[in-house]
Amino acid sequence: MIHEILPLGALQCNCSIFGDEATREAIVIDPGDGDDVNAVLAVLNEHQLKLTAIIITHAHIDHIGGAAKLKAETGAPVHMNGRDQMLYDRLDVQAGWLGMAVPEKTGIDQAAQDGDKVVLGATDFHVLHTPGHTPGSISLWIPAENTLVAGDTLFKDSIGRTDLPGGDGRQILKSIKGQLLRLPEDATVVAGHGPNTTIGREKRRNPFLQGL
């Protein structure tokens, strides 16, 4: 499996590009704020991949702002949990918080609900609903790769902020305990920002998770 991580945009959102070497199909998770979509297209072209799905872990502008451009260039459908639709509808407000231009919006083609699977070649991407950072936050568990794409739910030594509209501090800890900490300790965690970590490391060392 091809997996490249590109930190995109002003807030350096980690965009994951997964490619199947047999089918030459690809999935992009969190295409940034829209300024660096050409970097994503360049990786797809380099590996001769056809994009078949754009998956959004949550509807903050730094993760979803590039979805419309990437969909326009590739025709790939956009997957997002519907509980974040209100945040996406207020993309202009989010842009105002950061002093950014308002990116284009697109329709959401596929709900991303807990228990759903997105298939890439022979590999299943399992949708885990992990609310707390936002009401519709999801993570993607990929058993064949022993990898979790956690969005802004879990970070190395930290968790997602919950002081923005829709955030819930108790809920994010419940999500992490119920959905993420049950995964294998050696599973790689690709966070929404910053370096990778593992489930086991965060169990032992993340100060927000002690006592869970």
Protein backbone atom coordinates (compact mmCIF):
# COMPACT_ATOMS: atom_id res chain seq x y z
CA MET A 1 0.00 0.00 0.00
CA ILE A 2 1.28 3.45 -0.94
CA HIS A 3 0.85 5.95 1.89
CA GLU A 4 2.09 9.51 1.72
CA ILE A 5 1.40 12.20 4.33
CA LEU A 6 1.44 15.83 3.21
CA PRO A 7 1.21 18.66 5.79
CA LEU A 8 -1.00 21.16 3.95
CA GLY A 9 -2.12 24.74 4.37
CA ALA A 10 -1.58 27.42 6.96
CA LEU A 11 -2.31 25.03 9.84
CA GLN A 12 -0.31 22.12 8.36
CA CYS A 13 -3.14 19.61 8.31
CA ASN A 14 -1.84 16.09 7.68
CA CYS A 15 -3.37 14.91 4.41
CA SER A 16 -3.08 11.14 3.90
CA ILE A 17 -2.92 9.73 0.38
CA PHE A 18 -3.40 5.96 0.19
CA GLY A 19 -2.85 4.12 -3.08
CA ASP A 20 -3.43 0.49 -4.02
CA GLU A 21 -0.60 -0.81 -6.16
CA ALA A 22 -2.74 -3.44 -7.90
CA THR A 23 -5.79 -1.38 -8.88
CA ARG A 24 -3.99 2.01 -9.05
CA GLU A 25 -6.92 3.51 -7.12
CA ALA A 26 -6.50 5.97 -4.27
CA ILE A 27 -8.20 7.50 -1.24
CA VAL A 28 -7.38 10.97 0.10
CA ILE A 29 -8.16 11.77 3.71
CA ASP A 30 -8.37 15.48 4.68
CA PRO A 31 -7.21 17.47 1.62
CA GLY A 32 -6.28 20.60 3.57
CA ASP A 33 -7.68 24.11 3.31
CA GLY A 34 -7.58 24.32 -0.49
CA ASP A 35 -4.32 26.16 -1.06
CA ASP A 36 -2.23 23.03 -1.70
CA VAL A 37 -4.53 20.79 -3.74
CA ASN A 38 -1.95 20.79 -6.54
CA ALA A 39 0.46 19.00 -4.19
CA VAL A 40 -2.11 16.25 -3.70
CA LEU A 41 -2.68 15.98 -7.45
CA ALA A 42 1.08 15.78 -8.00
CA VAL A 43 1.35 12.74 -5.70
CA LEU A 44 -1.58 11.06 -7.44
CA ASN A 45 0.03 11.71 -10.82
CA GLU A 46 3.46 10.56 -9.64
CA HIS A 47 2.07 7.17 -8.64
CA GLN A 48 -0.42 7.04 -11.56
CA LEU A 49 -3.37 6.76 -9.20
CA LYS A 50 -7.06 7.39 -9.82
CA LEU A 51 -8.82 9.01 -6.86
CA THR A 52 -11.96 7.10 -5.86
CA ALA A 53 -12.86 8.73 -2.52
CA ILE A 54 -12.20 11.91 -0.55
CA ILE A 55 -12.78 11.29 3.15
CA ILE A 56 -13.15 14.15 5.64
CA THR A 57 -12.43 13.42 9.31
CA HIS A 58 -14.25 16.59 10.39
CA ALA A 59 -15.52 19.84 8.89
CA HIS A 60 -12.97 22.35 10.14
CA ILE A 61 -11.70 24.49 7.30
CA ASP A 62 -8.10 23.27 7.51
CA HIS A 63 -9.29 19.70 6.79
CA ILE A 64 -12.21 20.19 4.38
CA GLY A 65 -11.45 23.45 2.55
CA GLY A 66 -9.74 21.62 -0.30
CA ALA A 67 -12.51 19.09 -0.90
CA ALA A 68 -14.36 21.06 -3.58
CA LYS A 69 -11.23 21.71 -5.65
CA LEU A 70 -10.05 18.11 -5.38
CA LYS A 71 -13.48 16.79 -6.33
CA ALA A 72 -13.65 19.17 -9.29
CA GLU A 73 -10.27 17.94 -10.55
CA THR A 74 -10.88 14.22 -10.04
CA GLY A 75 -14.62 13.59 -9.83
CA ALA A 76 -14.12 11.60 -6.62
CA PRO A 77 -17.04 11.58 -4.15
CA VAL A 78 -16.73 13.28 -0.77
CA HIS A 79 -17.45 11.30 2.40
CA MET A 80 -18.27 13.13 5.66
CA ASN A 81 -20.31 12.49 8.79
CA GLY A 82 -23.55 14.46 8.58
CA ARG A 83 -23.30 15.70 12.15
CA ASP A 84 -20.66 18.15 10.92
CA GLN A 85 -22.86 19.63 8.19
CA MET A 86 -23.58 22.73 10.29
CA LEU A 87 -19.84 23.41 10.57
CA TYR A 88 -19.42 22.98 6.82
CA ASP A 89 -22.35 25.32 6.19
CA ARG A 90 -20.46 27.95 8.21
CA LEU A 91 -17.20 27.70 6.30
CA ASP A 92 -17.32 31.47 5.80
CA VAL A 93 -17.36 32.00 9.57
CA GLN A 94 -14.42 29.64 10.01
CA ALA A 95 -12.50 31.51 7.33
CA GLY A 96 -13.18 34.76 9.18
CA TRP A 97 -11.68 33.34 12.39
CA LEU A 98 -8.42 32.65 10.56
CA GLY A 99 -8.40 35.63 8.20
CA MET A 100 -8.55 33.30 5.19
CA ALA A 101 -10.39 33.53 1.89
CA VAL A 102 -13.58 31.47 1.88
CA PRO A 103 -12.95 28.27 -0.10
CA GLU A 104 -15.45 26.75 -2.52
CA LYS A 105 -17.92 24.26 -1.11
CA THR A 106 -19.24 21.05 -2.59
CA GLY A 107 -22.02 18.65 -1.84
CA ILE A 108 -21.35 15.68 0.41
CA ASP A 109 -21.84 12.52 -1.63
CA GLN A 110 -21.61 9.85 1.03
CA ALA A 111 -22.34 9.81 4.75
CA ALA A 112 -19.46 8.49 6.85
CA GLN A 113 -21.13 6.74 9.75
CA ASP A 114 -19.80 4.49 12.47
CA GLY A 115 -19.37 0.97 11.11
CA ASP A 116 -19.17 2.00 7.46
CA LYS A 117 -16.37 0.63 5.28
CA VAL A 118 -14.60 2.26 2.36
CA VAL A 119 -12.75 -0.27 0.22
CA LEU A 120 -9.48 0.40 -1.60
CA GLY A 121 -8.39 -2.61 -3.60
CA ALA A 122 -8.39 -5.46 -1.07
CA THR A 123 -8.06 -3.10 1.91
CA ASP A 124 -10.92 -2.01 4.16
CA PHE A 125 -11.01 1.43 5.78
CA HIS A 126 -13.33 1.24 8.80
CA VAL A 127 -15.16 4.40 9.86
CA LEU A 128 -15.13 5.02 13.62
CA HIS A 129 -17.36 7.83 14.87
CA THR A 130 -15.20 9.69 17.41
CA PRO A 131 -17.13 12.85 18.40
CA GLY A 132 -15.75 15.39 20.81
CA HIS A 133 -13.51 17.65 18.76
CA THR A 134 -16.59 18.16 16.58
CA PRO A 135 -19.95 16.34 16.66
CA GLY A 136 -19.21 14.47 13.44
CA SER A 137 -15.52 13.69 13.90
CA ILE A 138 -14.48 10.32 12.52
CA SER A 139 -11.31 8.26 12.54
CA LEU A 140 -10.31 5.65 9.94
CA TRP A 141 -9.02 2.27 11.11
CA ILE A 142 -7.13 0.24 8.50
CA PRO A 143 -6.47 -3.22 9.98
CA ALA A 144 -4.40 -4.50 7.05
CA GLU A 145 -1.99 -1.58 7.54
CA ASN A 146 -2.26 -1.55 11.38
CA THR A 147 -2.85 2.18 10.99
CA LEU A 148 -5.35 4.64 12.43
CA VAL A 149 -5.97 8.01 10.80
CA ALA A 150 -7.26 9.90 13.84
CA GLY A 151 -8.08 13.35 12.48
CA ASP A 152 -7.99 15.84 15.35
CA THR A 153 -9.20 13.37 17.97
CA LEU A 154 -5.83 12.03 19.15
CA PHE A 155 -2.35 13.51 18.88
CA LYS A 156 1.10 12.61 20.15
CA ASP A 157 0.94 13.69 23.83
CA SER A 158 -2.39 15.49 23.36
CA ILE A 159 -6.02 15.32 22.24
CA GLY A 160 -8.16 17.54 20.04
CA ARG A 161 -9.28 20.90 21.40
CA THR A 162 -12.89 21.08 22.53
CA ASP A 163 -13.36 24.83 23.07
CA LEU A 164 -14.63 25.52 19.54
CA PRO A 165 -18.34 25.34 18.60
CA GLY A 166 -19.54 21.74 18.83
CA GLY A 167 -16.64 20.59 21.00
CA ASP A 168 -17.24 18.42 24.05
CA GLY A 169 -14.41 17.57 26.45
CA ARG A 170 -16.12 14.61 28.08
CA GLN A 171 -17.22 13.19 24.75
CA ILE A 172 -13.75 13.21 23.20
CA LEU A 173 -12.36 11.19 26.11
CA LYS A 174 -15.27 8.76 25.80
CA SER A 175 -14.55 8.41 22.08
CA ILE A 176 -10.85 7.79 22.63
CA LYS A 177 -11.48 5.23 25.36
CA GLY A 178 -14.29 3.41 23.57
CA GLN A 179 -13.06 3.49 19.99
CA LEU A 180 -9.30 4.06 19.88
CA LEU A 181 -7.60 2.62 22.96
CA ARG A 182 -9.03 -0.82 22.16
CA LEU A 183 -6.91 -0.97 18.99
CA PRO A 184 -3.54 -2.81 18.98
CA GLU A 185 -0.87 -1.06 21.03
CA ASP A 186 1.58 -1.13 18.12
CA ALA A 187 -0.92 0.46 15.74
CA THR A 188 0.43 3.60 14.07
CA VAL A 189 -1.63 6.72 14.72
CA VAL A 190 -1.59 9.37 12.00
CA ALA A 191 -2.76 12.53 13.76
CA GLY A 192 -4.44 15.47 12.09
CA HIS A 193 -1.38 17.62 12.80
CA GLY A 194 2.15 16.86 13.90
CA PRO A 195 4.05 13.57 14.13
CA ASN A 196 2.79 10.02 14.09
CA THR A 197 2.54 8.04 17.31
CA THR A 198 1.22 4.66 18.46
CA ILE A 199 -1.77 3.62 20.54
CA GLY A 200 0.48 2.08 23.17
CA ARG A 201 2.63 5.18 23.53
CA GLU A 202 -0.41 7.36 24.06
CA LYS A 203 -1.84 4.94 26.64
CA ARG A 204 1.37 5.19 28.63
CA ARG A 205 2.47 8.77 28.11
CA ASN A 206 -0.38 11.01 26.99
CA PRO A 207 -1.22 13.15 30.04
CA PHE A 208 -4.86 13.56 28.94
CA LEU A 209 -5.44 9.79 28.92
CA GLN A 210 -4.08 8.76 32.29
CA GLY A 211 -6.75 7.06 34.38
CA LEU A 212 -9.07 6.30 31.45
